[in-house]
PDB file of N, CA and C in Angstrom:
ATOM      1  N   MET A   1     134.038-124.371-119.309  1.00  0.00           N
ATOM      2  CA  MET A   1     133.147-123.290-118.934  1.00  0.00           C
ATOM      3  C   MET A   1     131.997-123.877-118.102  1.00  0.00           C
ATOM      4  N   HIS A   2     131.747-123.278-116.970  1.00  0.00           N
ATOM      5  CA  HIS A   2     130.663-123.721-116.089  1.00  0.00           C
ATOM      6  C   HIS A   2     129.411-122.901-116.383  1.00  0.00           C
ATOM      7  N   ARG A   3     128.318-123.587-116.648  1.00  0.00           N
ATOM      8  CA  ARG A   3     127.051-122.902-116.897  1.00  0.00           C
ATOM      9  C   ARG A   3     126.021-123.386-115.897  1.00  0.00           C
ATOM     10  N   ASN A   4     125.210-122.463-115.433  1.00  0.00           N
ATOM     11  CA  ASN A   4     124.113-122.837-114.551  1.00  0.00           C
ATOM     12  C   ASN A   4     122.919-123.239-115.393  1.00  0.00           C
ATOM     13  N   LEU A   5     122.175-124.194-114.913  1.00  0.00           N
ATOM     14  CA  LEU A   5     120.980-124.673-115.585  1.00  0.00           C
ATOM     15  C   LEU A   5     119.870-124.731-114.561  1.00  0.00           C
ATOM     16  N   LEU A   6     118.698-124.266-114.929  1.00  0.00           N
ATOM     17  CA  LEU A   6     117.554-124.247-114.023  1.00  0.00           C
ATOM     18  C   LEU A   6     116.378-124.915-114.716  1.00  0.00           C
ATOM     19  N   ILE A   7     115.741-125.858-114.032  1.00  0.00           N
ATOM     20  CA  ILE A   7     114.587-126.563-114.584  1.00  0.00           C
ATOM     21  C   ILE A   7     113.493-126.615-113.527  1.00  0.00           C
ATOM     22  N   ASN A   8     112.253-126.359-113.946  1.00  0.00           N
ATOM     23  CA  ASN A   8     111.077-126.529-113.092  1.00  0.00           C
ATOM     24  C   ASN A   8     110.407-127.841-113.469  1.00  0.00           C
ATOM     25  N   ILE A   9     110.096-128.659-112.470  1.00  0.00           N
ATOM     26  CA  ILE A   9     109.438-129.939-112.723  1.00  0.00           C
ATOM     27  C   ILE A   9     108.194-130.035-111.848  1.00  0.00           C
ATOM     28  N   ASP A  10     107.045-130.226-112.490  1.00  0.00           N
ATOM     29  CA  ASP A  10     105.805-130.462-111.754  1.00  0.00           C
ATOM     30  C   ASP A  10     105.826-131.888-111.223  1.00  0.00           C
ATOM     31  N   VAL A  11     105.482-132.053-109.959  1.00  0.00           N
ATOM     32  CA  VAL A  11     105.444-133.384-109.348  1.00  0.00           C
ATOM     33  C   VAL A  11     104.130-133.555-108.598  1.00  0.00           C
ATOM     34  N   GLU A  12     103.694-134.788-108.495  1.00  0.00           N
ATOM     35  CA  GLU A  12     102.440-135.065-107.798  1.00  0.00           C
ATOM     36  C   GLU A  12     102.626-135.085-106.285  1.00  0.00           C
ATOM     37  N   ASP A  13     103.787-135.539-105.825  1.00  0.00           N
ATOM     38  CA  ASP A  13     104.061-135.650-104.389  1.00  0.00           C
ATOM     39  C   ASP A  13     105.475-135.149-104.127  1.00  0.00           C
ATOM     40  N   LEU A  14     105.591-134.030-103.440  1.00  0.00           N
ATOM     41  CA  LEU A  14     106.886-133.382-103.223  1.00  0.00           C
ATOM     42  C   LEU A  14     107.834-134.240-102.385  1.00  0.00           C
ATOM     43  N   VAL A  15     107.327-134.917-101.381  1.00  0.00           N
ATOM     44  CA  VAL A  15     108.172-135.746-100.510  1.00  0.00           C
ATOM     45  C   VAL A  15     108.789-136.898-101.302  1.00  0.00           C
ATOM     46  N   ILE A  16     107.969-137.573-102.092  1.00  0.00           N
ATOM     47  CA  ILE A  16     108.463-138.689-102.909  1.00  0.00           C
ATOM     48  C   ILE A  16     109.450-138.181-103.954  1.00  0.00           C
ATOM     49  N   ALA A  17     109.137-137.056-104.589  1.00  0.00           N
ATOM     50  CA  ALA A  17     110.026-136.495-105.608  1.00  0.00           C
ATOM     51  C   ALA A  17     111.373-136.087-105.014  1.00  0.00           C
ATOM     52  N   GLU A  18     111.352-135.493-103.823  1.00  0.00           N
ATOM     53  CA  GLU A  18     112.601-135.094-103.170  1.00  0.00           C
ATOM     54  C   GLU A  18     113.500-136.305-102.948  1.00  0.00           C
ATOM     55  N   GLU A  19     112.947-137.374-102.446  1.00  0.00           N
ATOM     56  CA  GLU A  19     113.737-138.587-102.207  1.00  0.00           C
ATOM     57  C   GLU A  19     114.277-139.154-103.518  1.00  0.00           C
ATOM     58  N   PHE A  20     113.445-139.140-104.557  1.00  0.00           N
ATOM     59  CA  PHE A  20     113.879-139.647-105.854  1.00  0.00           C
ATOM     60  C   PHE A  20     115.084-138.866-106.369  1.00  0.00           C
ATOM     61  N   TYR A  21     115.009-137.541-106.382  1.00  0.00           N
ATOM     62  CA  TYR A  21     116.094-136.728-106.924  1.00  0.00           C
ATOM     63  C   TYR A  21     117.343-136.783-106.050  1.00  0.00           C
ATOM     64  N   LYS A  22     117.179-136.959-104.746  1.00  0.00           N
ATOM     65  CA  LYS A  22     118.347-137.149-103.871  1.00  0.00           C
ATOM     66  C   LYS A  22     119.055-138.454-104.208  1.00  0.00           C
ATOM     67  N   ASN A  23     118.284-139.529-104.304  1.00  0.00           N
ATOM     68  CA  ASN A  23     118.866-140.853-104.523  1.00  0.00           C
ATOM     69  C   ASN A  23     119.337-141.076-105.954  1.00  0.00           C
ATOM     70  N   ALA A  24     118.572-140.621-106.930  1.00  0.00           N
ATOM     71  CA  ALA A  24     118.903-140.882-108.335  1.00  0.00           C
ATOM     72  C   ALA A  24     120.011-139.977-108.864  1.00  0.00           C
ATOM     73  N   PHE A  25     120.044-138.722-108.411  1.00  0.00           N
ATOM     74  CA  PHE A  25     120.967-137.754-108.989  1.00  0.00           C
ATOM     75  C   PHE A  25     121.870-137.062-107.969  1.00  0.00           C
ATOM     76  N   ALA A  26     121.881-137.543-106.734  1.00  0.00           N
ATOM     77  CA  ALA A  26     122.713-136.968-105.668  1.00  0.00           C
ATOM     78  C   ALA A  26     122.468-135.472-105.494  1.00  0.00           C
ATOM     79  N   MET A  27     121.217-135.058-105.653  1.00  0.00           N
ATOM     80  CA  MET A  27     120.879-133.642-105.501  1.00  0.00           C
ATOM     81  C   MET A  27     120.707-133.311-104.022  1.00  0.00           C
ATOM     82  N   THR A  28     120.935-132.060-103.689  1.00  0.00           N
ATOM     83  CA  THR A  28     120.826-131.571-102.323  1.00  0.00           C
ATOM     84  C   THR A  28     119.665-130.598-102.223  1.00  0.00           C
ATOM     85  N   SER A  29     118.841-130.748-101.193  1.00  0.00           N
ATOM     86  CA  SER A  29     117.746-129.803-100.954  1.00  0.00           C
ATOM     87  C   SER A  29     118.337-128.490-100.473  1.00  0.00           C
ATOM     88  N   LYS A  30     117.895-127.378-101.078  1.00  0.00           N
ATOM     89  CA  LYS A  30     118.423-126.060-100.732  1.00  0.00           C
ATOM     90  C   LYS A  30     117.388-125.193-100.023  1.00  0.00           C
ATOM     91  N   ARG A  31     116.294-124.889-100.705  1.00  0.00           N
ATOM     92  CA  ARG A  31     115.269-124.005-100.122  1.00  0.00           C
ATOM     93  C   ARG A  31     113.891-124.611-100.325  1.00  0.00           C
ATOM     94  N   ARG A  32     113.026-124.364 -99.338  1.00  0.00           N
ATOM     95  CA  ARG A  32     111.627-124.787 -99.441  1.00  0.00           C
ATOM     96  C   ARG A  32     110.755-123.561 -99.631  1.00  0.00           C
ATOM     97  N   PHE A  33     109.725-123.741-100.422  1.00  0.00           N
ATOM     98  CA  PHE A  33     108.744-122.690-100.669  1.00  0.00           C
ATOM     99  C   PHE A  33     107.406-123.203-100.162  1.00  0.00           C
ATOM    100  N   GLY A  34     107.174-123.002 -98.865  1.00  0.00           N
ATOM    101  CA  GLY A  34     105.970-123.549 -98.242  1.00  0.00           C
ATOM    102  C   GLY A  34     106.000-125.066 -98.311  1.00  0.00           C
ATOM    103  N   THR A  35     104.835-125.645 -98.562  1.00  0.00           N
ATOM    104  CA  THR A  35     104.752-127.105 -98.651  1.00  0.00           C
ATOM    105  C   THR A  35     104.663-127.588-100.095  1.00  0.00           C
ATOM    106  N   SER A  36     104.737-126.663-101.051  1.00  0.00           N
ATOM    107  CA  SER A  36     104.517-127.079-102.443  1.00  0.00           C
ATOM    108  C   SER A  36     105.682-126.779-103.383  1.00  0.00           C
ATOM    109  N   GLY A  37     106.817-126.349-102.856  1.00  0.00           N
ATOM    110  CA  GLY A  37     107.956-126.075-103.727  1.00  0.00           C
ATOM    111  C   GLY A  37     109.273-126.363-103.036  1.00  0.00           C
ATOM    112  N   LEU A  38     110.239-126.822-103.813  1.00  0.00           N
ATOM    113  CA  LEU A  38     111.549-127.164-103.268  1.00  0.00           C
ATOM    114  C   LEU A  38     112.619-126.892-104.317  1.00  0.00           C
ATOM    115  N   GLU A  39     113.677-126.219-103.901  1.00  0.00           N
ATOM    116  CA  GLU A  39     114.839-126.004-104.761  1.00  0.00           C
ATOM    117  C   GLU A  39     115.876-127.060-104.418  1.00  0.00           C
ATOM    118  N   MET A  40     116.358-127.746-105.447  1.00  0.00           N
ATOM    119  CA  MET A  40     117.411-128.737-105.267  1.00  0.00           C
ATOM    120  C   MET A  40     118.563-128.386-106.199  1.00  0.00           C
ATOM    121  N   ASP A  41     119.770-128.824-105.830  1.00  0.00           N
ATOM    122  CA  ASP A  41     120.951-128.453-106.604  1.00  0.00           C
ATOM    123  C   ASP A  41     121.943-129.607-106.652  1.00  0.00           C
ATOM    124  N   HIS A  42     122.672-129.661-107.764  1.00  0.00           N
ATOM    125  CA  HIS A  42     123.819-130.563-107.879  1.00  0.00           C
ATOM    126  C   HIS A  42     124.814-129.926-108.839  1.00  0.00           C
ATOM    127  N   GLN A  43     125.891-129.410-108.323  1.00  0.00           N
ATOM    128  CA  GLN A  43     126.984-128.823-109.095  1.00  0.00           C
ATOM    129  C   GLN A  43     126.501-127.756-110.087  1.00  0.00           C
ATOM    130  N   GLY A  44     125.663-126.849-109.624  1.00  0.00           N
ATOM    131  CA  GLY A  44     125.183-125.761-110.468  1.00  0.00           C
ATOM    132  C   GLY A  44     123.965-126.095-111.302  1.00  0.00           C
ATOM    133  N   PHE A  45     123.516-127.322-111.232  1.00  0.00           N
ATOM    134  CA  PHE A  45     122.308-127.757-111.925  1.00  0.00           C
ATOM    135  C   PHE A  45     121.166-127.621-110.925  1.00  0.00           C
ATOM    136  N   THR A  46     120.285-126.648-111.131  1.00  0.00           N
ATOM    137  CA  THR A  46     119.220-126.351-110.178  1.00  0.00           C
ATOM    138  C   THR A  46     117.883-126.842-110.702  1.00  0.00           C
ATOM    139  N   VAL A  47     117.170-127.548-109.844  1.00  0.00           N
ATOM    140  CA  VAL A  47     115.840-128.059-110.167  1.00  0.00           C
ATOM    141  C   VAL A  47     114.869-127.532-109.128  1.00  0.00           C
ATOM    142  N   TYR A  48     113.761-127.003-109.600  1.00  0.00           N
ATOM    143  CA  TYR A  48     112.672-126.605-108.715  1.00  0.00           C
ATOM    144  C   TYR A  48     111.572-127.636-108.861  1.00  0.00           C
ATOM    145  N   LEU A  49     111.288-128.353-107.783  1.00  0.00           N
ATOM    146  CA  LEU A  49     110.184-129.298-107.768  1.00  0.00           C
ATOM    147  C   LEU A  49     108.950-128.546-107.295  1.00  0.00           C
ATOM    148  N   LEU A  50     107.891-128.604-108.083  1.00  0.00           N
ATOM    149  CA  LEU A  50     106.665-127.862-107.806  1.00  0.00           C
ATOM    150  C   LEU A  50     105.508-128.841-107.709  1.00  0.00           C
ATOM    151  N   GLU A  51     104.978-129.007-106.508  1.00  0.00           N
ATOM    152  CA  GLU A  51     103.876-129.943-106.320  1.00  0.00           C
ATOM    153  C   GLU A  51     102.606-129.364-106.927  1.00  0.00           C
ATOM    154  N   LYS A  52     102.049-130.100-107.886  1.00  0.00           N
ATOM    155  CA  LYS A  52     100.821-129.697-108.574  1.00  0.00           C
ATOM    156  C   LYS A  52      99.886-130.897-108.593  1.00  0.00           C
ATOM    157  N   GLU A  53      98.649-130.678-108.235  1.00  0.00           N
ATOM    158  CA  GLU A  53      97.667-131.751-108.146  1.00  0.00           C
ATOM    159  C   GLU A  53      97.347-132.325-109.522  1.00  0.00           C
ATOM    160  N   ALA A  54      97.283-133.648-109.596  1.00  0.00           N
ATOM    161  CA  ALA A  54      96.843-134.299-110.829  1.00  0.00           C
ATOM    162  C   ALA A  54      95.428-133.822-111.139  1.00  0.00           C
ATOM    163  N   GLY A  55      95.159-133.546-112.411  1.00  0.00           N
ATOM    164  CA  GLY A  55      93.850-133.052-112.817  1.00  0.00           C
ATOM    165  C   GLY A  55      93.740-131.542-112.811  1.00  0.00           C
ATOM    166  N   SER A  56      94.770-130.851-112.305  1.00  0.00           N
ATOM    167  CA  SER A  56      94.735-129.385-112.292  1.00  0.00           C
ATOM    168  C   SER A  56      95.157-128.841-113.659  1.00  0.00           C
ATOM    169  N   LYS A  57      94.816-127.587-113.900  1.00  0.00           N
ATOM    170  CA  LYS A  57      95.143-126.951-115.176  1.00  0.00           C
ATOM    171  C   LYS A  57      96.570-126.397-115.144  1.00  0.00           C
ATOM    172  N   PRO A  58      97.372-126.695-116.160  1.00  0.00           N
ATOM    173  CA  PRO A  58      98.722-126.140-116.215  1.00  0.00           C
ATOM    174  C   PRO A  58      98.734-124.670-116.634  1.00  0.00           C
ATOM    175  N   PHE A  59      97.645-124.210-117.227  1.00  0.00           N
ATOM    176  CA  PHE A  59      97.467-122.805-117.603  1.00  0.00           C
ATOM    177  C   PHE A  59      95.966-122.529-117.637  1.00  0.00           C
ATOM    178  N   PRO A  60      95.541-121.285-117.479  1.00  0.00           N
ATOM    179  CA  PRO A  60      94.123-120.954-117.274  1.00  0.00           C
ATOM    180  C   PRO A  60      93.146-121.497-118.312  1.00  0.00           C
ATOM    181  N   ASP A  61      93.496-121.505-119.584  1.00  0.00           N
ATOM    182  CA  ASP A  61      92.556-121.935-120.621  1.00  0.00           C
ATOM    183  C   ASP A  61      92.711-123.395-121.024  1.00  0.00           C
ATOM    184  N   ALA A  62      93.385-124.184-120.226  1.00  0.00           N
ATOM    185  CA  ALA A  62      93.587-125.593-120.569  1.00  0.00           C
ATOM    186  C   ALA A  62      92.245-126.312-120.628  1.00  0.00           C
ATOM    187  N   ASP A  63      92.074-127.153-121.659  1.00  0.00           N
ATOM    188  CA  ASP A  63      90.847-127.936-121.751  1.00  0.00           C
ATOM    189  C   ASP A  63      91.068-129.287-121.061  1.00  0.00           C
ATOM    190  N   TYR A  64      90.066-130.137-121.124  1.00  0.00           N
ATOM    191  CA  TYR A  64      90.128-131.420-120.428  1.00  0.00           C
ATOM    192  C   TYR A  64      91.363-132.230-120.828  1.00  0.00           C
ATOM    193  N   ASP A  65      91.696-132.235-122.122  1.00  0.00           N
ATOM    194  CA  ASP A  65      92.846-133.010-122.589  1.00  0.00           C
ATOM    195  C   ASP A  65      94.176-132.430-122.110  1.00  0.00           C
ATOM    196  N   GLY A  66      94.156-131.170-121.679  1.00  0.00           N
ATOM    197  CA  GLY A  66      95.387-130.523-121.249  1.00  0.00           C
ATOM    198  C   GLY A  66      95.604-130.522-119.751  1.00  0.00           C
ATOM    199  N   LEU A  67      94.750-131.218-118.992  1.00  0.00           N
ATOM    200  CA  LEU A  67      94.909-131.238-117.540  1.00  0.00           C
ATOM    201  C   LEU A  67      96.147-132.038-117.147  1.00  0.00           C
ATOM    202  N   ARG A  68      96.731-131.680-116.016  1.00  0.00           N
ATOM    203  CA  ARG A  68      97.925-132.380-115.532  1.00  0.00           C
ATOM    204  C   ARG A  68      97.584-133.822-115.185  1.00  0.00           C
ATOM    205  N   HIS A  69      98.463-134.689-115.612  1.00  0.00           N
ATOM    206  CA  HIS A  69      98.420-136.070-115.143  1.00  0.00           C
ATOM    207  C   HIS A  69      99.858-136.563-115.127  1.00  0.00           C
ATOM    208  N   TYR A  70     100.101-137.548-114.340  1.00  0.00           N
ATOM    209  CA  TYR A  70     101.473-138.003-114.136  1.00  0.00           C
ATOM    210  C   TYR A  70     101.670-139.437-114.603  1.00  0.00           C
ATOM    211  N   ASP A  71     100.925-139.809-115.641  1.00  0.00           N
ATOM    212  CA  ASP A  71     101.123-141.128-116.227  1.00  0.00           C
ATOM    213  C   ASP A  71     102.543-141.221-116.775  1.00  0.00           C
ATOM    214  N   ARG A  72     103.022-142.403-116.918  1.00  0.00           N
ATOM    215  CA  ARG A  72     104.412-142.635-117.296  1.00  0.00           C
ATOM    216  C   ARG A  72     104.817-141.972-118.618  1.00  0.00           C
ATOM    217  N   HIS A  73     103.943-141.850-119.569  1.00  0.00           N
ATOM    218  CA  HIS A  73     104.305-141.324-120.890  1.00  0.00           C
ATOM    219  C   HIS A  73     104.414-139.799-120.941  1.00  0.00           C
ATOM    220  N   TRP A  74     103.922-139.109-119.940  1.00  0.00           N
ATOM    221  CA  TRP A  74     103.878-137.642-119.974  1.00  0.00           C
ATOM    222  C   TRP A  74     105.054-137.074-119.208  1.00  0.00           C
ATOM    223  N   THR A  75     105.736-136.080-119.755  1.00  0.00           N
ATOM    224  CA  THR A  75     106.874-135.460-119.085  1.00  0.00           C
ATOM    225  C   THR A  75     106.532-134.023-118.721  1.00  0.00           C
ATOM    226  N   PRO A  76     106.205-133.760-117.445  1.00  0.00           N
ATOM    227  CA  PRO A  76     105.774-132.419-117.036  1.00  0.00           C
ATOM    228  C   PRO A  76     106.940-131.481-116.728  1.00  0.00           C
ATOM    229  N   ILE A  77     107.821-131.286-117.694  1.00  0.00           N
ATOM    230  CA  ILE A  77     108.958-130.384-117.507  1.00  0.00           C
ATOM    231  C   ILE A  77     108.721-129.140-118.339  1.00  0.00           C
ATOM    232  N   HIS A  78     108.932-127.971-117.730  1.00  0.00           N
ATOM    233  CA  HIS A  78     108.744-126.716-118.472  1.00  0.00           C
ATOM    234  C   HIS A  78     109.812-125.723-118.094  1.00  0.00           C
TER     235      HIS A  78
END
């Protein structure tokens, strides 16, 4: 049974992230959403890369500890 899967991933730099997902997972770029979003696909597995600035709030009421950062230990997948 073939199932589609969709994941949104916050990234600090869309250009670098695009190259990473192309090289690491053989993903193909499908659609661009301005300069801050990209749809990539590999055999029905769809990933949306969303460029979000480090230090920005992931949701309106986020406090200082909840700000986006891209340190190695944090996984910004939602």
